[in-house]
Amino acid sequence: MNRPKFSIGSWAFSFGPFEKNPWSFEAFMEYAEKAGYDGIEINGFHPHPHPDIYNSKEKCHELQKQIANHGLGISGYAPDFRKVPAAEVPMKNHLKAIDKALAFCNNLAIDVLRIDTISPPNALSAEEYKIRFERLANTWHQAAALCAASGVKLVWEFEPGFWLNKPSEVIQIVEAVNHNNFKVLFDTSHAYMCAVVGARQQGEKETLDGGVVEFAKKLKSHIGHFHLIDSDGTLHDNETSTHAPFGTGQIDFVEVINAIRPEVEPLPWWCFDFCFCPTTEEDAKKAIPFVENVINKIN
């Protein structure tokens, strides 16, 4: 199996335990370089690079140089869409935010844009569920078309902390969006919590007998980006998946990666997602040899 390029998400050093004292982006880049990563995935929340600050080609090109000076590439961009949840606001409002994020991506030659539903997984009436689902599908279809015109892939990261967190719901919305530039961001920890634990699901809990592997196979033609991290089967602050260091959780990475090898091996980047993990500074250094060992076992 070919080894892809490995990146690490900058949110790992600005969310959760790092929120009160986030690392500067320069400190994060220095860490990623020394730890042996090939690239970074940019968290679009202050104080990390934000389009309100990097609002010109010149500023973005300077940032691009700084990143390249550390020998790093950029695997994707995860902007802040909290004010414009696609299922709850008029389409034009969400697409305006997409345009803003796309300008940032284009100026930095980033070709993957990450989104989520943002809406919490609260109980909805059947009528409200239908209205929101249709609005979301229509808005994301248009967003995917905008991204395609800019050469950027739009990827959705499902997770237990946001609306549409049952395996069947994930598949249904992907099919409803119905655009070849709209793909799933498959995060191994979120997949475990959605398919094995059924965390924060409304109504009847829905899990899969085959767990993460079965979920991945159901999505195999739709996977467009890959986040790796372990899961211990718990939620962080009762909200979203605990991102446990590799080897400390329940995921069999050899089994999972081997099962979806045709989908993830061609991807240029695999991103290691240590969001909310208090031991990131130490454990993210161990992640590269851990996953390389997984790849060697598959070969």
C-alpha atoms as a PDB file:
ATOM      1  CA  MET A   1       0.000   0.000   0.000  1.00  0.00           C
ATOM      2  CA  ASN A   2       1.339   3.415  -0.929  1.00  0.00           C
ATOM      3  CA  ARG A   3       1.923   5.885   1.883  1.00  0.00           C
ATOM      4  CA  PRO A   4       0.018   9.128   1.309  1.00  0.00           C
ATOM      5  CA  LYS A   5       1.142  12.482   2.613  1.00  0.00           C
ATOM      6  CA  PHE A   6       0.305  13.003   6.274  1.00  0.00           C
ATOM      7  CA  SER A   7      -1.108  16.240   7.667  1.00  0.00           C
ATOM      8  CA  ILE A   8      -2.289  17.397  11.076  1.00  0.00           C
ATOM      9  CA  GLY A   9      -5.213  19.729  11.768  1.00  0.00           C
ATOM     10  CA  SER A  10      -4.294  23.014  13.394  1.00  0.00           C
ATOM     11  CA  TRP A  11      -7.512  22.948  15.488  1.00  0.00           C
ATOM     12  CA  ALA A  12      -5.774  20.415  17.737  1.00  0.00           C
ATOM     13  CA  PHE A  13      -3.816  23.290  19.274  1.00  0.00           C
ATOM     14  CA  SER A  14      -6.611  25.862  19.462  1.00  0.00           C
ATOM     15  CA  PHE A  15      -9.765  23.997  20.576  1.00  0.00           C
ATOM     16  CA  GLY A  16     -10.658  22.262  23.830  1.00  0.00           C
ATOM     17  CA  PRO A  17      -7.772  22.179  26.311  1.00  0.00           C
ATOM     18  CA  PHE A  18      -5.880  24.726  24.204  1.00  0.00           C
ATOM     19  CA  GLU A  19      -8.778  27.175  23.814  1.00  0.00           C
ATOM     20  CA  LYS A  20      -7.740  29.529  26.616  1.00  0.00           C
ATOM     21  CA  ASN A  21      -4.152  29.627  25.420  1.00  0.00           C
ATOM     22  CA  PRO A  22      -4.105  28.610  21.734  1.00  0.00           C
ATOM     23  CA  TRP A  23      -0.816  28.045  19.988  1.00  0.00           C
ATOM     24  CA  SER A  24       0.163  30.607  17.400  1.00  0.00           C
ATOM     25  CA  PHE A  25       0.046  29.364  13.840  1.00  0.00           C
ATOM     26  CA  GLU A  26       3.810  29.774  13.606  1.00  0.00           C
ATOM     27  CA  ALA A  27       4.335  27.593  16.672  1.00  0.00           C
ATOM     28  CA  PHE A  28       1.978  25.015  15.189  1.00  0.00           C
ATOM     29  CA  MET A  29       3.884  24.972  11.884  1.00  0.00           C
ATOM     30  CA  GLU A  30       7.181  24.542  13.709  1.00  0.00           C
ATOM     31  CA  TYR A  31       5.714  21.620  15.621  1.00  0.00           C
ATOM     32  CA  ALA A  32       4.301  19.949  12.493  1.00  0.00           C
ATOM     33  CA  GLU A  33       7.639  20.276  10.729  1.00  0.00           C
ATOM     34  CA  LYS A  34       9.658  18.843  13.634  1.00  0.00           C
ATOM     35  CA  ALA A  35       7.173  16.005  14.169  1.00  0.00           C
ATOM     36  CA  GLY A  36       7.653  14.894  10.566  1.00  0.00           C
ATOM     37  CA  TYR A  37       4.333  15.864   9.001  1.00  0.00           C
ATOM     38  CA  ASP A  38       4.132  16.579   5.289  1.00  0.00           C
ATOM     39  CA  GLY A  39       1.460  19.205   5.702  1.00  0.00           C
ATOM     40  CA  ILE A  40      -1.228  20.865   7.745  1.00  0.00           C
ATOM     41  CA  GLU A  41      -4.972  21.288   7.598  1.00  0.00           C
ATOM     42  CA  ILE A  42      -6.025  24.823   8.423  1.00  0.00           C
ATOM     43  CA  ASN A  43      -8.531  25.585  11.147  1.00  0.00           C
ATOM     44  CA  GLY A  44     -10.401  28.665   9.923  1.00  0.00           C
ATOM     45  CA  PHE A  45     -11.132  29.976  13.413  1.00  0.00           C
ATOM     46  CA  HIS A  46      -9.230  32.825  15.033  1.00  0.00           C
ATOM     47  CA  PRO A  47      -6.376  33.045  15.917  1.00  0.00           C
ATOM     48  CA  HIS A  48      -5.431  30.705  13.077  1.00  0.00           C
ATOM     49  CA  PRO A  49      -5.613  31.927   9.450  1.00  0.00           C
ATOM     50  CA  HIS A  50      -8.988  33.502   8.760  1.00  0.00           C
ATOM     51  CA  PRO A  51     -10.272  35.106   5.533  1.00  0.00           C
ATOM     52  CA  ASP A  52     -11.119  38.285   7.429  1.00  0.00           C
ATOM     53  CA  ILE A  53      -7.379  38.698   8.057  1.00  0.00           C
ATOM     54  CA  TYR A  54      -6.004  37.035   4.928  1.00  0.00           C
ATOM     55  CA  ASN A  55      -8.349  38.981   2.697  1.00  0.00           C
ATOM     56  CA  SER A  56      -6.118  39.551  -0.330  1.00  0.00           C
ATOM     57  CA  LYS A  57      -4.022  37.512  -2.720  1.00  0.00           C
ATOM     58  CA  GLU A  58      -0.900  39.211  -1.418  1.00  0.00           C
ATOM     59  CA  LYS A  59      -1.562  38.289   2.204  1.00  0.00           C
ATOM     60  CA  CYS A  60      -2.467  34.720   1.281  1.00  0.00           C
ATOM     61  CA  HIS A  61       0.621  34.306  -0.877  1.00  0.00           C
ATOM     62  CA  GLU A  62       2.766  35.491   2.023  1.00  0.00           C
ATOM     63  CA  LEU A  63       1.106  32.909   4.272  1.00  0.00           C
ATOM     64  CA  GLN A  64       1.660  30.276   1.605  1.00  0.00           C
ATOM     65  CA  LYS A  65       5.373  31.119   1.602  1.00  0.00           C
ATOM     66  CA  GLN A  66       5.552  30.835   5.380  1.00  0.00           C
ATOM     67  CA  ILE A  67       3.960  27.406   5.278  1.00  0.00           C
ATOM     68  CA  ALA A  68       6.228  26.263   2.441  1.00  0.00           C
ATOM     69  CA  ASN A  69       9.278  27.517   4.350  1.00  0.00           C
ATOM     70  CA  HIS A  70       8.510  24.847   6.932  1.00  0.00           C
ATOM     71  CA  GLY A  71       8.426  22.223   4.181  1.00  0.00           C
ATOM     72  CA  LEU A  72       4.678  21.825   4.566  1.00  0.00           C
ATOM     73  CA  GLY A  73       1.758  21.588   2.177  1.00  0.00           C
ATOM     74  CA  ILE A  74      -1.940  22.228   2.891  1.00  0.00           C
ATOM     75  CA  SER A  75      -4.358  19.302   2.867  1.00  0.00           C
ATOM     76  CA  GLY A  76      -7.562  21.265   3.377  1.00  0.00           C
ATOM     77  CA  TYR A  77      -9.405  24.139   4.987  1.00  0.00           C
ATOM     78  CA  ALA A  78     -12.081  23.973   7.708  1.00  0.00           C
ATOM     79  CA  PRO A  79     -13.750  27.410   7.958  1.00  0.00           C
ATOM     80  CA  ASP A  80     -16.171  28.752  10.547  1.00  0.00           C
ATOM     81  CA  PHE A  81     -19.759  28.447   9.284  1.00  0.00           C
ATOM     82  CA  ARG A  82     -21.424  28.703  12.707  1.00  0.00           C
ATOM     83  CA  LYS A  83     -23.433  31.797  11.740  1.00  0.00           C
ATOM     84  CA  VAL A  84     -24.837  30.216   8.582  1.00  0.00           C
ATOM     85  CA  PRO A  85     -25.998  26.621   9.233  1.00  0.00           C
ATOM     86  CA  ALA A  86     -27.067  25.456   5.794  1.00  0.00           C
ATOM     87  CA  ALA A  87     -30.291  23.789   6.951  1.00  0.00           C
ATOM     88  CA  GLU A  88     -31.476  26.830   8.884  1.00  0.00           C
ATOM     89  CA  VAL A  89     -30.594  29.970   6.903  1.00  0.00           C
ATOM     90  CA  PRO A  90     -31.527  31.195   3.416  1.00  0.00           C
ATOM     91  CA  MET A  91     -29.396  29.589   0.720  1.00  0.00           C
ATOM     92  CA  LYS A  92     -27.892  32.922  -0.328  1.00  0.00           C
ATOM     93  CA  ASN A  93     -26.494  33.479   3.176  1.00  0.00           C
ATOM     94  CA  HIS A  94     -24.706  30.154   3.234  1.00  0.00           C
ATOM     95  CA  LEU A  95     -23.416  30.486  -0.326  1.00  0.00           C
ATOM     96  CA  LYS A  96     -22.001  33.910   0.503  1.00  0.00           C
ATOM     97  CA  ALA A  97     -19.929  32.266   3.235  1.00  0.00           C
ATOM     98  CA  ILE A  98     -18.897  29.528   0.795  1.00  0.00           C
ATOM     99  CA  ASP A  99     -17.714  32.178  -1.671  1.00  0.00           C
ATOM    100  CA  LYS A 100     -15.622  33.817   1.034  1.00  0.00           C
ATOM    101  CA  ALA A 101     -14.029  30.486   1.960  1.00  0.00           C
ATOM    102  CA  LEU A 102     -13.408  29.668  -1.701  1.00  0.00           C
ATOM    103  CA  ALA A 103     -11.514  32.917  -2.243  1.00  0.00           C
ATOM    104  CA  PHE A 104      -9.261  31.943   0.650  1.00  0.00           C
ATOM    105  CA  CYS A 105      -8.798  28.433  -0.781  1.00  0.00           C
ATOM    106  CA  ASN A 106      -8.030  29.696  -4.268  1.00  0.00           C
ATOM    107  CA  ASN A 107      -5.482  32.220  -3.018  1.00  0.00           C
ATOM    108  CA  LEU A 108      -3.682  29.465  -1.089  1.00  0.00           C
ATOM    109  CA  ALA A 109      -4.082  26.720  -3.731  1.00  0.00           C
ATOM    110  CA  ILE A 110      -6.176  24.627  -1.316  1.00  0.00           C
ATOM    111  CA  ASP A 111      -8.341  22.060  -3.090  1.00  0.00           C
ATOM    112  CA  VAL A 112     -10.419  20.617  -0.195  1.00  0.00           C
ATOM    113  CA  LEU A 113     -13.062  22.606   1.717  1.00  0.00           C
ATOM    114  CA  ARG A 114     -14.605  21.038   4.812  1.00  0.00           C
ATOM    115  CA  ILE A 115     -18.168  21.683   5.993  1.00  0.00           C
ATOM    116  CA  ASP A 116     -20.578  20.288   8.580  1.00  0.00           C
ATOM    117  CA  THR A 117     -24.285  20.736   9.297  1.00  0.00           C
ATOM    118  CA  ILE A 118     -23.487  22.900  12.357  1.00  0.00           C
ATOM    119  CA  SER A 119     -27.057  22.322  13.602  1.00  0.00           C
ATOM    120  CA  PRO A 120     -27.231  20.357  16.872  1.00  0.00           C
ATOM    121  CA  PRO A 121     -28.819  16.881  16.734  1.00  0.00           C
ATOM    122  CA  ASN A 122     -32.007  17.969  18.476  1.00  0.00           C
ATOM    123  CA  ALA A 123     -35.374  16.297  18.031  1.00  0.00           C
ATOM    124  CA  LEU A 124     -37.421  17.787  15.185  1.00  0.00           C
ATOM    125  CA  SER A 125     -40.979  17.279  14.062  1.00  0.00           C
ATOM    126  CA  ALA A 126     -41.381  15.266  10.869  1.00  0.00           C
ATOM    127  CA  GLU A 127     -42.355  18.429   9.006  1.00  0.00           C
ATOM    128  CA  GLU A 128     -39.428  20.491  10.258  1.00  0.00           C
ATOM    129  CA  TYR A 129     -37.034  17.610   9.552  1.00  0.00           C
ATOM    130  CA  LYS A 130     -38.270  17.436   5.955  1.00  0.00           C
ATOM    131  CA  ILE A 131     -37.967  21.210   5.437  1.00  0.00           C
ATOM    132  CA  ARG A 132     -34.450  21.327   6.831  1.00  0.00           C
ATOM    133  CA  PHE A 133     -33.323  18.229   4.945  1.00  0.00           C
ATOM    134  CA  GLU A 134     -34.506  19.636   1.611  1.00  0.00           C
ATOM    135  CA  ARG A 135     -32.985  23.045   2.300  1.00  0.00           C
ATOM    136  CA  LEU A 136     -29.689  21.438   3.257  1.00  0.00           C
ATOM    137  CA  ALA A 137     -29.578  19.207   0.180  1.00  0.00           C
ATOM    138  CA  ASN A 138     -30.392  22.077  -2.186  1.00  0.00           C
ATOM    139  CA  THR A 139     -27.911  24.455  -0.561  1.00  0.00           C
ATOM    140  CA  TRP A 140     -25.084  21.918  -0.525  1.00  0.00           C
ATOM    141  CA  HIS A 141     -25.774  21.006  -4.154  1.00  0.00           C
ATOM    142  CA  GLN A 142     -25.273  24.642  -5.133  1.00  0.00           C
ATOM    143  CA  ALA A 143     -22.240  24.924  -2.857  1.00  0.00           C
ATOM    144  CA  ALA A 144     -20.696  21.849  -4.479  1.00  0.00           C
ATOM    145  CA  ALA A 145     -21.237  23.410  -7.904  1.00  0.00           C
ATOM    146  CA  LEU A 146     -19.556  26.652  -6.794  1.00  0.00           C
ATOM    147  CA  CYS A 147     -16.625  24.702  -5.417  1.00  0.00           C
ATOM    148  CA  ALA A 148     -16.330  22.630  -8.589  1.00  0.00           C
ATOM    149  CA  ALA A 149     -16.077  25.799 -10.673  1.00  0.00           C
ATOM    150  CA  SER A 150     -13.097  26.807  -8.510  1.00  0.00           C
ATOM    151  CA  GLY A 151     -11.426  23.401  -8.603  1.00  0.00           C
ATOM    152  CA  VAL A 152     -12.150  22.755  -4.914  1.00  0.00           C
ATOM    153  CA  LYS A 153     -13.672  19.557  -3.531  1.00  0.00           C
ATOM    154  CA  LEU A 154     -16.475  20.058  -0.988  1.00  0.00           C
ATOM    155  CA  VAL A 155     -16.360  17.479   1.820  1.00  0.00           C
ATOM    156  CA  TRP A 156     -18.846  16.984   4.653  1.00  0.00           C
ATOM    157  CA  GLU A 157     -17.662  15.757   8.049  1.00  0.00           C
ATOM    158  CA  PHE A 158     -20.500  13.951   9.821  1.00  0.00           C
ATOM    159  CA  GLU A 159     -20.218  13.506  13.581  1.00  0.00           C
ATOM    160  CA  PRO A 160     -22.427  12.719  16.580  1.00  0.00           C
ATOM    161  CA  GLY A 161     -22.389  16.334  17.754  1.00  0.00           C
ATOM    162  CA  PHE A 162     -24.252  17.629  14.707  1.00  0.00           C
ATOM    163  CA  TRP A 163     -27.547  16.891  12.976  1.00  0.00           C
ATOM    164  CA  LEU A 164     -27.712  13.862  10.648  1.00  0.00           C
ATOM    165  CA  ASN A 165     -25.585  11.441  12.631  1.00  0.00           C
ATOM    166  CA  LYS A 166     -27.207   8.090  11.881  1.00  0.00           C
ATOM    167  CA  PRO A 167     -25.499   5.980   9.193  1.00  0.00           C
ATOM    168  CA  SER A 168     -28.660   5.940   7.063  1.00  0.00           C
ATOM    169  CA  GLU A 169     -28.995   9.734   7.363  1.00  0.00           C
ATOM    170  CA  VAL A 170     -25.424  10.223   6.204  1.00  0.00           C
ATOM    171  CA  ILE A 171     -26.068   8.122   3.123  1.00  0.00           C
ATOM    172  CA  GLN A 172     -29.441   9.777   2.446  1.00  0.00           C
ATOM    173  CA  ILE A 173     -28.124  13.333   2.474  1.00  0.00           C
ATOM    174  CA  VAL A 174     -25.167  12.461   0.248  1.00  0.00           C
ATOM    175  CA  GLU A 175     -27.552  10.923  -2.266  1.00  0.00           C
ATOM    176  CA  ALA A 176     -29.944  13.877  -1.954  1.00  0.00           C
ATOM    177  CA  VAL A 177     -27.196  16.441  -2.600  1.00  0.00           C
ATOM    178  CA  ASN A 178     -26.477  14.449  -5.729  1.00  0.00           C
ATOM    179  CA  HIS A 179     -23.382  16.254  -6.965  1.00  0.00           C
ATOM    180  CA  ASN A 180     -20.154  14.553  -7.986  1.00  0.00           C
ATOM    181  CA  ASN A 181     -18.134  17.304  -6.279  1.00  0.00           C
ATOM    182  CA  PHE A 182     -19.802  16.633  -2.917  1.00  0.00           C
ATOM    183  CA  LYS A 183     -18.027  13.963  -0.883  1.00  0.00           C
ATOM    184  CA  VAL A 184     -17.864  12.641   2.656  1.00  0.00           C
ATOM    185  CA  LEU A 185     -15.000  13.390   4.997  1.00  0.00           C
ATOM    186  CA  PHE A 186     -14.632  10.030   6.732  1.00  0.00           C
ATOM    187  CA  ASP A 187     -13.318  10.502  10.267  1.00  0.00           C
ATOM    188  CA  THR A 188     -12.600   7.164  11.949  1.00  0.00           C
ATOM    189  CA  SER A 189     -13.537   8.354  15.439  1.00  0.00           C
ATOM    190  CA  HIS A 190     -16.814   9.915  14.330  1.00  0.00           C
ATOM    191  CA  ALA A 191     -17.594   6.807  12.287  1.00  0.00           C
ATOM    192  CA  TYR A 192     -17.114   4.654  15.389  1.00  0.00           C
ATOM    193  CA  MET A 193     -19.359   6.831  17.531  1.00  0.00           C
ATOM    194  CA  CYS A 194     -22.082   6.966  14.864  1.00  0.00           C
ATOM    195  CA  ALA A 195     -22.012   3.348  13.677  1.00  0.00           C
ATOM    196  CA  VAL A 196     -20.968   1.451  16.816  1.00  0.00           C
ATOM    197  CA  VAL A 197     -22.146   3.570  19.759  1.00  0.00           C
ATOM    198  CA  GLY A 198     -25.024   5.447  18.128  1.00  0.00           C
ATOM    199  CA  ALA A 199     -24.136   8.515  20.151  1.00  0.00           C
ATOM    200  CA  ARG A 200     -26.570  11.447  20.367  1.00  0.00           C
ATOM    201  CA  GLN A 201     -28.994   9.934  17.873  1.00  0.00           C
ATOM    202  CA  GLN A 202     -32.626  11.000  18.145  1.00  0.00           C
ATOM    203  CA  GLY A 203     -35.387   8.418  18.269  1.00  0.00           C
ATOM    204  CA  GLU A 204     -34.473   4.787  17.748  1.00  0.00           C
ATOM    205  CA  LYS A 205     -30.731   4.221  17.953  1.00  0.00           C
ATOM    206  CA  GLU A 206     -29.161   3.039  14.712  1.00  0.00           C
ATOM    207  CA  THR A 207     -25.898   1.104  14.716  1.00  0.00           C
ATOM    208  CA  LEU A 208     -24.275  -1.302  12.275  1.00  0.00           C
ATOM    209  CA  ASP A 209     -23.285  -4.889  13.062  1.00  0.00           C
ATOM    210  CA  GLY A 210     -20.124  -4.424  11.019  1.00  0.00           C
ATOM    211  CA  GLY A 211     -19.256  -1.160  12.760  1.00  0.00           C
ATOM    212  CA  VAL A 212     -16.804   1.233  11.166  1.00  0.00           C
ATOM    213  CA  VAL A 213     -15.934  -1.190   8.377  1.00  0.00           C
ATOM    214  CA  GLU A 214     -19.567  -1.663   7.325  1.00  0.00           C
ATOM    215  CA  PHE A 215     -20.171   2.087   7.497  1.00  0.00           C
ATOM    216  CA  ALA A 216     -17.115   2.765   5.358  1.00  0.00           C
ATOM    217  CA  LYS A 217     -18.175   0.191   2.786  1.00  0.00           C
ATOM    218  CA  LYS A 218     -21.638   1.757   2.555  1.00  0.00           C
ATOM    219  CA  LEU A 219     -19.957   5.085   1.796  1.00  0.00           C
ATOM    220  CA  LYS A 220     -17.120   3.756  -0.331  1.00  0.00           C
ATOM    221  CA  SER A 221     -18.022   5.602  -3.528  1.00  0.00           C
ATOM    222  CA  HIS A 222     -18.532   8.852  -1.614  1.00  0.00           C
ATOM    223  CA  ILE A 223     -15.357   9.168   0.474  1.00  0.00           C
ATOM    224  CA  GLY A 224     -13.379  12.209  -0.613  1.00  0.00           C
ATOM    225  CA  HIS A 225     -11.203  13.021   2.399  1.00  0.00           C
ATOM    226  CA  PHE A 226      -9.866  11.029   5.338  1.00  0.00           C
ATOM    227  CA  HIS A 227      -9.304  11.905   9.007  1.00  0.00           C
ATOM    228  CA  LEU A 228      -7.678   9.355  11.278  1.00  0.00           C
ATOM    229  CA  ILE A 229      -7.817   9.153  15.070  1.00  0.00           C
ATOM    230  CA  ASP A 230      -8.839   6.526  17.610  1.00  0.00           C
ATOM    231  CA  SER A 231     -12.070   6.335  19.637  1.00  0.00           C
ATOM    232  CA  ASP A 232     -12.556   5.048  23.163  1.00  0.00           C
ATOM    233  CA  GLY A 233     -16.324   5.006  22.725  1.00  0.00           C
ATOM    234  CA  THR A 234     -16.970   8.175  24.713  1.00  0.00           C
ATOM    235  CA  LEU A 235     -18.023  11.735  23.956  1.00  0.00           C
ATOM    236  CA  HIS A 236     -15.962  14.825  24.687  1.00  0.00           C
ATOM    237  CA  ASP A 237     -17.982  17.007  27.078  1.00  0.00           C
ATOM    238  CA  ASN A 238     -21.089  15.017  26.067  1.00  0.00           C
ATOM    239  CA  GLU A 239     -21.015  16.749  22.691  1.00  0.00           C
ATOM    240  CA  THR A 240     -18.885  15.060  20.060  1.00  0.00           C
ATOM    241  CA  SER A 241     -16.460  12.192  19.658  1.00  0.00           C
ATOM    242  CA  THR A 242     -13.504  11.880  21.983  1.00  0.00           C
ATOM    243  CA  HIS A 243     -10.436  11.854  19.751  1.00  0.00           C
ATOM    244  CA  ALA A 244      -8.247   9.350  21.560  1.00  0.00           C
ATOM    245  CA  PRO A 245      -4.543   8.874  20.741  1.00  0.00           C
ATOM    246  CA  PHE A 246      -3.798   6.042  18.336  1.00  0.00           C
ATOM    247  CA  GLY A 247      -3.689   2.650  20.040  1.00  0.00           C
ATOM    248  CA  THR A 248      -5.644   3.725  23.135  1.00  0.00           C
ATOM    249  CA  GLY A 249      -9.129   3.132  21.741  1.00  0.00           C
ATOM    250  CA  GLN A 250     -11.323   0.545  20.074  1.00  0.00           C
ATOM    251  CA  ILE A 251     -10.592   0.988  16.367  1.00  0.00           C
ATOM    252  CA  ASP A 252      -8.762  -1.731  14.445  1.00  0.00           C
ATOM    253  CA  PHE A 253      -6.976   0.478  11.927  1.00  0.00           C
ATOM    254  CA  VAL A 254      -5.550  -2.415   9.929  1.00  0.00           C
ATOM    255  CA  GLU A 255      -9.058  -3.792   9.411  1.00  0.00           C
ATOM    256  CA  VAL A 256     -10.625  -0.403   8.643  1.00  0.00           C
ATOM    257  CA  ILE A 257      -7.977   0.902   6.256  1.00  0.00           C
ATOM    258  CA  ASN A 258      -7.687  -2.428   4.474  1.00  0.00           C
ATOM    259  CA  ALA A 259     -11.468  -2.484   3.990  1.00  0.00           C
ATOM    260  CA  ILE A 260     -11.541   0.945   2.335  1.00  0.00           C
ATOM    261  CA  ARG A 261      -8.131   0.816   0.725  1.00  0.00           C
ATOM    262  CA  PRO A 262      -9.523   1.416  -2.799  1.00  0.00           C
ATOM    263  CA  GLU A 263     -11.093   4.678  -1.585  1.00  0.00           C
ATOM    264  CA  VAL A 264      -8.403   6.087   0.707  1.00  0.00           C
ATOM    265  CA  GLU A 265      -5.183   4.938  -0.952  1.00  0.00           C
ATOM    266  CA  PRO A 266      -5.642   7.259  -3.965  1.00  0.00           C
ATOM    267  CA  LEU A 267      -6.261  10.267  -1.716  1.00  0.00           C
ATOM    268  CA  PRO A 268      -3.197  12.545  -1.685  1.00  0.00           C
ATOM    269  CA  TRP A 269      -3.566  13.361   2.027  1.00  0.00           C
ATOM    270  CA  TRP A 270      -4.553  11.629   5.241  1.00  0.00           C
ATOM    271  CA  CYS A 271      -5.125  14.105   8.068  1.00  0.00           C
ATOM    272  CA  PHE A 272      -4.522  13.191  11.707  1.00  0.00           C
ATOM    273  CA  ASP A 273      -7.259  14.766  13.823  1.00  0.00           C
ATOM    274  CA  PHE A 274      -6.330  15.348  17.471  1.00  0.00           C
ATOM    275  CA  CYS A 275      -9.218  17.719  18.187  1.00  0.00           C
ATOM    276  CA  PHE A 276      -9.856  18.208  21.945  1.00  0.00           C
ATOM    277  CA  CYS A 277      -7.030  15.820  22.855  1.00  0.00           C
ATOM    278  CA  PRO A 278      -5.064  17.199  25.847  1.00  0.00           C
ATOM    279  CA  THR A 279      -1.984  15.070  25.080  1.00  0.00           C
ATOM    280  CA  THR A 280      -1.657  16.126  21.442  1.00  0.00           C
ATOM    281  CA  GLU A 281       1.814  17.621  21.807  1.00  0.00           C
ATOM    282  CA  GLU A 282       3.235  14.237  22.783  1.00  0.00           C
ATOM    283  CA  ASP A 283       0.897  11.812  21.030  1.00  0.00           C
ATOM    284  CA  ALA A 284       0.842  13.478  17.616  1.00  0.00           C
ATOM    285  CA  LYS A 285       4.570  12.707  17.390  1.00  0.00           C
ATOM    286  CA  LYS A 286       3.779   9.002  17.756  1.00  0.00           C
ATOM    287  CA  ALA A 287       0.985   9.051  15.197  1.00  0.00           C
ATOM    288  CA  ILE A 288       3.124   8.905  12.067  1.00  0.00           C
ATOM    289  CA  PRO A 289       5.037   5.715  12.999  1.00  0.00           C
ATOM    290  CA  PHE A 290       1.785   4.164  14.247  1.00  0.00           C
ATOM    291  CA  VAL A 291      -0.012   4.661  10.940  1.00  0.00           C
ATOM    292  CA  GLU A 292       3.072   3.738   8.916  1.00  0.00           C
ATOM    293  CA  ASN A 293       3.122   0.458  10.824  1.00  0.00           C
ATOM    294  CA  VAL A 294      -0.541  -0.059   9.928  1.00  0.00           C
ATOM    295  CA  ILE A 295       0.271   0.486   6.254  1.00  0.00           C
ATOM    296  CA  ASN A 296       3.179  -1.966   6.449  1.00  0.00           C
ATOM    297  CA  LYS A 297       0.879  -4.621   7.913  1.00  0.00           C
ATOM    298  CA  ILE A 298      -1.533  -4.194   5.019  1.00  0.00           C
ATOM    299  CA  ASN A 299       1.169  -4.545   2.360  1.00  0.00           C
END
